[in-house]
C-alpha atoms as a PDB file:
ATOM      1  CA  MET A   1      88.772 103.738  71.458  1.00  0.00           C
ATOM      2  CA  ALA A   2      90.757 100.678  70.501  1.00  0.00           C
ATOM      3  CA  THR A   3      94.221 100.890  68.968  1.00  0.00           C
ATOM      4  CA  ASP A   4      94.679  99.283  65.546  1.00  0.00           C
ATOM      5  CA  VAL A   5      97.434  96.672  65.646  1.00  0.00           C
ATOM      6  CA  SER A   6      99.137  94.869  62.779  1.00  0.00           C
ATOM      7  CA  THR A   7     101.484  91.922  62.501  1.00  0.00           C
ATOM      8  CA  ALA A   8     104.407  94.339  62.680  1.00  0.00           C
ATOM      9  CA  THR A   9     103.250  96.012  65.906  1.00  0.00           C
ATOM     10  CA  PHE A  10     101.678  93.015  67.662  1.00  0.00           C
ATOM     11  CA  GLU A  11     104.698  92.132  69.774  1.00  0.00           C
ATOM     12  CA  ARG A  12     105.116  95.687  71.106  1.00  0.00           C
ATOM     13  CA  GLU A  13     101.467  96.660  71.465  1.00  0.00           C
ATOM     14  CA  VAL A  14     100.207  93.323  72.788  1.00  0.00           C
ATOM     15  CA  LEU A  15     102.837  90.916  74.093  1.00  0.00           C
ATOM     16  CA  GLU A  16     105.110  93.482  75.721  1.00  0.00           C
ATOM     17  CA  ALA A  17     102.278  95.746  76.820  1.00  0.00           C
ATOM     18  CA  SER A  18     100.493  92.829  78.499  1.00  0.00           C
ATOM     19  CA  LYS A  19     103.347  92.560  80.982  1.00  0.00           C
ATOM     20  CA  THR A  20     102.068  95.822  82.456  1.00  0.00           C
ATOM     21  CA  VAL A  21      98.275  95.616  81.986  1.00  0.00           C
ATOM     22  CA  PRO A  22      95.996  92.977  80.439  1.00  0.00           C
ATOM     23  CA  VAL A  23      95.571  93.542  76.701  1.00  0.00           C
ATOM     24  CA  ILE A  24      92.350  92.533  74.961  1.00  0.00           C
ATOM     25  CA  VAL A  25      92.710  91.836  71.245  1.00  0.00           C
ATOM     26  CA  ASP A  26      89.592  92.007  69.078  1.00  0.00           C
ATOM     27  CA  PHE A  27      90.084  90.154  65.786  1.00  0.00           C
ATOM     28  CA  TRP A  28      87.554  91.518  63.286  1.00  0.00           C
ATOM     29  CA  ALA A  29      86.937  92.337  59.612  1.00  0.00           C
ATOM     30  CA  PRO A  30      84.979  95.124  57.867  1.00  0.00           C
ATOM     31  CA  TRP A  31      82.475  92.696  56.337  1.00  0.00           C
ATOM     32  CA  CYS A  32      81.672  90.982  59.671  1.00  0.00           C
ATOM     33  CA  GLY A  33      78.243  91.968  61.041  1.00  0.00           C
ATOM     34  CA  PRO A  34      78.729  90.467  64.539  1.00  0.00           C
ATOM     35  CA  CYS A  35      82.058  92.320  64.741  1.00  0.00           C
ATOM     36  CA  LYS A  36      80.267  95.623  64.225  1.00  0.00           C
ATOM     37  CA  ALA A  37      77.785  94.692  66.948  1.00  0.00           C
ATOM     38  CA  LEU A  38      80.524  93.764  69.411  1.00  0.00           C
ATOM     39  CA  THR A  39      82.775  96.788  68.884  1.00  0.00           C
ATOM     40  CA  PRO A  40      80.699  99.426  70.757  1.00  0.00           C
ATOM     41  CA  VAL A  41      79.955  96.954  73.550  1.00  0.00           C
ATOM     42  CA  ILE A  42      83.538  95.989  74.214  1.00  0.00           C
ATOM     43  CA  GLU A  43      84.734  99.602  73.879  1.00  0.00           C
ATOM     44  CA  LYS A  44      82.136 100.758  76.414  1.00  0.00           C
ATOM     45  CA  VAL A  45      83.062  98.040  78.910  1.00  0.00           C
ATOM     46  CA  VAL A  46      86.814  98.583  78.602  1.00  0.00           C
ATOM     47  CA  ALA A  47      86.342 102.326  79.083  1.00  0.00           C
ATOM     48  CA  GLU A  48      84.698 101.631  82.450  1.00  0.00           C
ATOM     49  CA  PHE A  49      87.955 100.195  83.744  1.00  0.00           C
ATOM     50  CA  LYS A  50      89.780 103.504  83.206  1.00  0.00           C
ATOM     51  CA  GLY A  51      93.083 102.236  81.845  1.00  0.00           C
ATOM     52  CA  ARG A  52      93.348  99.049  83.913  1.00  0.00           C
ATOM     53  CA  VAL A  53      93.024  97.088  80.658  1.00  0.00           C
ATOM     54  CA  LYS A  54      94.033  97.924  77.107  1.00  0.00           C
ATOM     55  CA  LEU A  55      91.935  97.229  73.997  1.00  0.00           C
ATOM     56  CA  VAL A  56      93.387  96.728  70.526  1.00  0.00           C
ATOM     57  CA  LYS A  57      91.860  95.614  67.237  1.00  0.00           C
ATOM     58  CA  VAL A  58      93.354  93.427  64.518  1.00  0.00           C
ATOM     59  CA  ASN A  59      91.853  93.437  61.026  1.00  0.00           C
ATOM     60  CA  SER A  60      91.987  89.740  60.156  1.00  0.00           C
ATOM     61  CA  ASP A  61      91.832  90.390  56.412  1.00  0.00           C
ATOM     62  CA  ASP A  62      94.845  92.691  56.496  1.00  0.00           C
ATOM     63  CA  ASN A  63      96.807  90.506  58.903  1.00  0.00           C
ATOM     64  CA  ALA A  64      96.046  86.986  57.717  1.00  0.00           C
ATOM     65  CA  GLU A  65      99.392  85.576  58.834  1.00  0.00           C
ATOM     66  CA  LEU A  66      98.904  86.853  62.385  1.00  0.00           C
ATOM     67  CA  SER A  67      95.327  85.568  62.490  1.00  0.00           C
ATOM     68  CA  GLN A  68      96.492  82.153  61.370  1.00  0.00           C
ATOM     69  CA  ALA A  69      99.227  82.117  64.004  1.00  0.00           C
ATOM     70  CA  MET A  70      96.643  82.955  66.672  1.00  0.00           C
ATOM     71  CA  GLY A  71      94.356  80.159  65.481  1.00  0.00           C
ATOM     72  CA  ILE A  72      91.549  82.486  64.396  1.00  0.00           C
ATOM     73  CA  ARG A  73      88.878  80.484  62.566  1.00  0.00           C
ATOM     74  CA  SER A  74      85.806  82.628  63.194  1.00  0.00           C
ATOM     75  CA  ILE A  75      85.327  86.303  63.990  1.00  0.00           C
ATOM     76  CA  PRO A  76      84.849  88.228  66.104  1.00  0.00           C
ATOM     77  CA  ASN A  77      87.390  86.396  68.207  1.00  0.00           C
ATOM     78  CA  VAL A  78      88.544  88.195  71.332  1.00  0.00           C
ATOM     79  CA  ILE A  79      91.754  87.057  73.045  1.00  0.00           C
ATOM     80  CA  ALA A  80      93.088  88.515  76.292  1.00  0.00           C
ATOM     81  CA  PHE A  81      96.831  88.549  76.982  1.00  0.00           C
ATOM     82  CA  LYS A  82      98.564  88.762  80.357  1.00  0.00           C
ATOM     83  CA  ASP A  83     102.292  88.596  81.042  1.00  0.00           C
ATOM     84  CA  GLY A  84     103.035  88.063  77.364  1.00  0.00           C
ATOM     85  CA  ARG A  85     100.722  85.066  76.937  1.00  0.00           C
ATOM     86  CA  ALA A  86      97.118  84.398  75.910  1.00  0.00           C
ATOM     87  CA  ALA A  87      95.030  84.090  79.078  1.00  0.00           C
ATOM     88  CA  ALA A  88      91.383  83.869  77.934  1.00  0.00           C
ATOM     89  CA  GLN A  89      89.190  84.267  74.878  1.00  0.00           C
ATOM     90  CA  PHE A  90      85.673  84.175  73.486  1.00  0.00           C
ATOM     91  CA  VAL A  91      84.226  83.896  69.988  1.00  0.00           C
ATOM     92  CA  GLY A  92      81.190  85.704  68.609  1.00  0.00           C
ATOM     93  CA  ALA A  93      79.286  88.789  69.708  1.00  0.00           C
ATOM     94  CA  GLN A  94      78.479  88.715  73.430  1.00  0.00           C
ATOM     95  CA  PRO A  95      76.093  90.745  75.592  1.00  0.00           C
ATOM     96  CA  GLU A  96      77.505  93.534  77.702  1.00  0.00           C
ATOM     97  CA  ALA A  97      77.227  91.616  80.992  1.00  0.00           C
ATOM     98  CA  GLN A  98      79.299  88.726  79.671  1.00  0.00           C
ATOM     99  CA  VAL A  99      81.925  91.045  78.205  1.00  0.00           C
ATOM    100  CA  ARG A 100      82.197  92.816  81.562  1.00  0.00           C
ATOM    101  CA  ALA A 101      82.580  89.497  83.380  1.00  0.00           C
ATOM    102  CA  PHE A 102      85.288  88.507  80.897  1.00  0.00           C
ATOM    103  CA  VAL A 103      87.243  91.694  81.620  1.00  0.00           C
ATOM    104  CA  GLU A 104      86.782  91.470  85.398  1.00  0.00           C
ATOM    105  CA  LYS A 105      88.369  88.007  85.481  1.00  0.00           C
ATOM    106  CA  LEU A 106      91.544  89.470  83.977  1.00  0.00           C
ATOM    107  CA  LEU A 107      92.035  91.868  86.874  1.00  0.00           C
ATOM    108  CA  PRO A 108      93.330  91.114  90.358  1.00  0.00           C
ATOM    109  CA  SER A 109      90.787  90.676  93.124  1.00  0.00           C
ATOM    110  CA  LEU A 110      90.580  93.141  95.996  1.00  0.00           C
ATOM    111  CA  THR A 111      92.530  90.643  98.088  1.00  0.00           C
ATOM    112  CA  GLU A 112      95.288  90.392  95.475  1.00  0.00           C
ATOM    113  CA  GLN A 113      95.400  94.175  95.172  1.00  0.00           C
ATOM    114  CA  ALA A 114      95.775  94.560  98.946  1.00  0.00           C
ATOM    115  CA  LEU A 115      98.604  92.025  98.979  1.00  0.00           C
ATOM    116  CA  ALA A 116     100.343  93.706  96.046  1.00  0.00           C
ATOM    117  CA  ASN A 117     100.039  97.029  97.873  1.00  0.00           C
ATOM    118  CA  ALA A 118     101.486  95.474 101.025  1.00  0.00           C
ATOM    119  CA  GLU A 119     104.439  94.060  99.094  1.00  0.00           C
ATOM    120  CA  LYS A 120     105.075  97.417  97.457  1.00  0.00           C
ATOM    121  CA  LEU A 121     104.850  99.316 100.736  1.00  0.00           C
ATOM    122  CA  PHE A 122     107.202  96.872 102.408  1.00  0.00           C
ATOM    123  CA  ALA A 123     109.705  97.235  99.562  1.00  0.00           C
ATOM    124  CA  GLU A 124     109.553 101.008 100.136  1.00  0.00           C
ATOM    125  CA  GLY A 125     110.205 100.549 103.842  1.00  0.00           C
ATOM    126  CA  ASN A 126     106.705 101.644 104.890  1.00  0.00           C
ATOM    127  CA  LEU A 127     106.121  98.870 107.424  1.00  0.00           C
ATOM    128  CA  ASP A 128     103.078 100.243 109.239  1.00  0.00           C
ATOM    129  CA  ASP A 129     101.052 100.777 106.069  1.00  0.00           C
ATOM    130  CA  ALA A 130     102.187  97.420 104.698  1.00  0.00           C
ATOM    131  CA  GLU A 131     100.920  95.724 107.834  1.00  0.00           C
ATOM    132  CA  ALA A 132      97.632  97.635 107.637  1.00  0.00           C
ATOM    133  CA  GLN A 133      97.106  96.296 104.108  1.00  0.00           C
ATOM    134  CA  LEU A 134      97.758  92.742 105.307  1.00  0.00           C
ATOM    135  CA  ASP A 135      95.229  93.142 108.096  1.00  0.00           C
ATOM    136  CA  VAL A 136      92.346  93.634 105.650  1.00  0.00           C
ATOM    137  CA  ILE A 137      93.143  90.507 103.611  1.00  0.00           C
ATOM    138  CA  LYS A 138      90.799  87.575 104.140  1.00  0.00           C
ATOM    139  CA  PRO A 139      92.342  84.100 104.562  1.00  0.00           C
ATOM    140  CA  ASP A 140      93.248  82.691 101.148  1.00  0.00           C
ATOM    141  CA  ALA A 141      95.308  79.515 100.791  1.00  0.00           C
ATOM    142  CA  SER A 142      96.465  80.438  97.287  1.00  0.00           C
ATOM    143  CA  ILE A 143      98.401  83.478  98.552  1.00  0.00           C
ATOM    144  CA  ALA A 144      99.119  82.409 102.119  1.00  0.00           C
ATOM    145  CA  ALA A 145     102.842  81.979 101.445  1.00  0.00           C
ATOM    146  CA  ARG A 146     103.126  85.533 100.087  1.00  0.00           C
ATOM    147  CA  ILE A 147     101.227  86.956 103.061  1.00  0.00           C
ATOM    148  CA  ASP A 148     103.469  85.071 105.496  1.00  0.00           C
ATOM    149  CA  ALA A 149     106.547  86.293 103.630  1.00  0.00           C
ATOM    150  CA  VAL A 150     105.574  89.943 104.053  1.00  0.00           C
ATOM    151  CA  ARG A 151     104.703  89.445 107.723  1.00  0.00           C
ATOM    152  CA  GLN A 152     108.019  87.694 108.321  1.00  0.00           C
ATOM    153  CA  GLY A 153     109.806  90.439 106.440  1.00  0.00           C
ATOM    154  CA  ILE A 154     108.126  93.152 108.520  1.00  0.00           C
ATOM    155  CA  ALA A 155     109.060  91.349 111.729  1.00  0.00           C
ATOM    156  CA  LEU A 156     112.641  90.890 110.578  1.00  0.00           C
ATOM    157  CA  ALA A 157     112.933  94.502 109.421  1.00  0.00           C
ATOM    158  CA  ARG A 158     111.596  95.802 112.737  1.00  0.00           C
ATOM    159  CA  LEU A 159     114.088  93.657 114.578  1.00  0.00           C
ATOM    160  CA  GLY A 160     116.845  95.263 112.536  1.00  0.00           C
ATOM    161  CA  ASP A 161     115.485  98.736 113.221  1.00  0.00           C
ATOM    162  CA  GLN A 162     115.192  98.360 116.968  1.00  0.00           C
ATOM    163  CA  GLY A 163     118.411  96.498 117.769  1.00  0.00           C
ATOM    164  CA  PRO A 164     122.095  97.448 117.787  1.00  0.00           C
ATOM    165  CA  ALA A 165     123.786  98.965 114.745  1.00  0.00           C
ATOM    166  CA  GLU A 166     125.541  96.900 112.098  1.00  0.00           C
ATOM    167  CA  GLY A 167     129.046  97.653 113.383  1.00  0.00           C
ATOM    168  CA  GLU A 168     128.229  96.573 116.922  1.00  0.00           C
ATOM    169  CA  LEU A 169     126.613  93.351 115.720  1.00  0.00           C
ATOM    170  CA  ARG A 170     129.562  92.520 113.479  1.00  0.00           C
ATOM    171  CA  ALA A 171     131.975  93.055 116.364  1.00  0.00           C
ATOM    172  CA  LYS A 172     129.975  90.693 118.573  1.00  0.00           C
ATOM    173  CA  LEU A 173     130.008  88.050 115.841  1.00  0.00           C
ATOM    174  CA  ASP A 174     133.731  88.395 115.355  1.00  0.00           C
ATOM    175  CA  ALA A 175     134.117  87.687 119.076  1.00  0.00           C
ATOM    176  CA  ASN A 176     131.643  84.785 119.032  1.00  0.00           C
ATOM    177  CA  PRO A 177     130.686  83.362 115.605  1.00  0.00           C
ATOM    178  CA  ALA A 178     128.264  80.929 117.281  1.00  0.00           C
ATOM    179  CA  ASP A 179     126.074  83.774 118.608  1.00  0.00           C
ATOM    180  CA  HIS A 180     123.012  83.012 116.477  1.00  0.00           C
ATOM    181  CA  GLU A 181     120.829  85.713 118.031  1.00  0.00           C
ATOM    182  CA  THR A 182     123.360  88.342 116.996  1.00  0.00           C
ATOM    183  CA  ARG A 183     123.656  86.848 113.510  1.00  0.00           C
ATOM    184  CA  LEU A 184     119.866  86.891 113.133  1.00  0.00           C
ATOM    185  CA  ALA A 185     119.818  90.536 114.235  1.00  0.00           C
ATOM    186  CA  LEU A 186     122.497  91.358 111.657  1.00  0.00           C
ATOM    187  CA  ALA A 187     120.460  89.630 108.953  1.00  0.00           C
ATOM    188  CA  ALA A 188     117.520  91.782 110.040  1.00  0.00           C
ATOM    189  CA  VAL A 189     119.583  94.952 109.615  1.00  0.00           C
ATOM    190  CA  TYR A 190     120.519  93.876 106.087  1.00  0.00           C
ATOM    191  CA  ALA A 191     116.930  92.907 105.260  1.00  0.00           C
ATOM    192  CA  ARG A 192     115.615  96.300 106.367  1.00  0.00           C
ATOM    193  CA  GLN A 193     118.169  97.933 104.061  1.00  0.00           C
ATOM    194  CA  ARG A 194     117.116  95.507 101.312  1.00  0.00           C
ATOM    195  CA  ARG A 195     120.636  94.084 101.207  1.00  0.00           C
ATOM    196  CA  TYR A 196     119.060  90.712 100.620  1.00  0.00           C
ATOM    197  CA  GLN A 197     122.149  88.761  99.605  1.00  0.00           C
ATOM    198  CA  GLU A 198     124.000  89.727 102.774  1.00  0.00           C
ATOM    199  CA  ALA A 199     120.941  88.886 104.869  1.00  0.00           C
ATOM    200  CA  MET A 200     120.676  85.488 103.179  1.00  0.00           C
ATOM    201  CA  ASP A 201     124.357  84.790 103.803  1.00  0.00           C
ATOM    202  CA  GLU A 202     123.938  85.349 107.536  1.00  0.00           C
ATOM    203  CA  LEU A 203     120.836  83.170 107.716  1.00  0.00           C
ATOM    204  CA  LEU A 204     122.569  80.405 105.779  1.00  0.00           C
ATOM    205  CA  GLU A 205     125.458  80.553 108.225  1.00  0.00           C
ATOM    206  CA  ILE A 206     123.023  79.938 111.078  1.00  0.00           C
ATOM    207  CA  LEU A 207     121.617  76.942 109.227  1.00  0.00           C
ATOM    208  CA  LYS A 208     125.047  75.492 108.600  1.00  0.00           C
ATOM    209  CA  ARG A 209     125.894  75.774 112.281  1.00  0.00           C
ATOM    210  CA  ALA A 210     122.527  74.791 113.794  1.00  0.00           C
ATOM    211  CA  LYS A 211     119.713  73.800 111.440  1.00  0.00           C
ATOM    212  CA  ASP A 212     117.128  73.411 114.184  1.00  0.00           C
ATOM    213  CA  TRP A 213     117.969  76.558 116.131  1.00  0.00           C
ATOM    214  CA  ARG A 214     114.760  78.189 117.374  1.00  0.00           C
ATOM    215  CA  GLU A 215     112.699  75.576 115.503  1.00  0.00           C
ATOM    216  CA  GLY A 216     114.193  76.450 112.139  1.00  0.00           C
ATOM    217  CA  GLU A 217     113.887  80.241 112.438  1.00  0.00           C
ATOM    218  CA  ALA A 218     116.712  80.877 109.944  1.00  0.00           C
ATOM    219  CA  ARG A 219     115.017  78.726 107.312  1.00  0.00           C
ATOM    220  CA  LYS A 220     111.694  80.515 107.843  1.00  0.00           C
ATOM    221  CA  GLN A 221     113.365  83.883 107.414  1.00  0.00           C
ATOM    222  CA  LEU A 222     115.186  82.726 104.282  1.00  0.00           C
ATOM    223  CA  LEU A 223     111.930  81.595 102.695  1.00  0.00           C
ATOM    224  CA  ALA A 224     110.413  84.976 103.505  1.00  0.00           C
ATOM    225  CA  LEU A 225     113.372  86.749 101.902  1.00  0.00           C
ATOM    226  CA  PHE A 226     112.962  84.650  98.744  1.00  0.00           C
ATOM    227  CA  ASN A 227     109.494  86.129  98.306  1.00  0.00           C
ATOM    228  CA  LEU A 228     110.587  89.638  99.181  1.00  0.00           C
ATOM    229  CA  ALA A 229     113.518  89.461  96.744  1.00  0.00           C
ATOM    230  CA  ALA A 230     111.371  88.109  93.898  1.00  0.00           C
ATOM    231  CA  SER A 231     112.508  90.971  91.654  1.00  0.00           C
ATOM    232  CA  GLN A 232     115.984  89.390  91.735  1.00  0.00           C
ATOM    233  CA  PRO A 233     115.218  85.891  90.369  1.00  0.00           C
ATOM    234  CA  ALA A 234     118.859  84.921  89.789  1.00  0.00           C
ATOM    235  CA  LEU A 235     119.699  85.704  93.410  1.00  0.00           C
ATOM    236  CA  VAL A 236     116.690  83.799  94.720  1.00  0.00           C
ATOM    237  CA  SER A 237     117.457  80.783  92.527  1.00  0.00           C
ATOM    238  CA  GLU A 238     121.075  80.708  93.712  1.00  0.00           C
ATOM    239  CA  TYR A 239     120.129  80.866  97.378  1.00  0.00           C
ATOM    240  CA  ARG A 240     117.363  78.288  97.047  1.00  0.00           C
ATOM    241  CA  ARG A 241     120.065  75.881  95.894  1.00  0.00           C
ATOM    242  CA  LYS A 242     122.277  76.901  98.801  1.00  0.00           C
ATOM    243  CA  LEU A 243     119.380  76.392 101.222  1.00  0.00           C
ATOM    244  CA  ALA A 244     118.766  72.898  99.855  1.00  0.00           C
ATOM    245  CA  SER A 245     122.443  72.043 100.286  1.00  0.00           C
ATOM    246  CA  ALA A 246     122.476  73.405 103.824  1.00  0.00           C
ATOM    247  CA  MET A 247     119.399  71.411 104.796  1.00  0.00           C
ATOM    248  CA  PHE A 248     120.617  68.100 103.414  1.00  0.00           C
END
């Protein structure tokens, strides 16, 4: 069953909640015949998705200010929210098939789900399962950069796992700061431990010393780390600027 939402609870129940799962808002009124026809249809369809979407209802008569702010001119008016913003809508009672298609478009595709799983598994350090998820993804230009980032991250992390320990690598660098292979290996150790800032610092140092070393390997690894460290936007933004400065 849908949750009743008012102007006072809209931000919490819809905008904030939509940052976790898509939220479908059904604007209706007790006197509206098409609203009564749509309610059981949309409730049935949403129930099929077993919590992957949330359904709420707003009584337009009782929440006129909210309805006006949302641009509601005719009801039923159904608006879907994702990531705190309106993402799609339809007006009027719709058949079950069209309501189901509307909901399906709000959810990630199987390809997107596999990529999200791979990113999560990589973040947890589960490299083999992350790679297995990537292997089932069909080529898709829209997410190619994210796929490459995870593959690069897996390769870098494995390099850090198989090579010398951090202390040994640091000692070699102290003896020869121009040893780019050792610096790359140290960045790999940091990346595997998700010490992204330290990994980025080492890769930037390679770029400053030799931009074209191994056909720009340090730059490639930095770009991969930017995707892998997406949960730290301030860090990524800072090091994107540093990368730009190092390149030019």
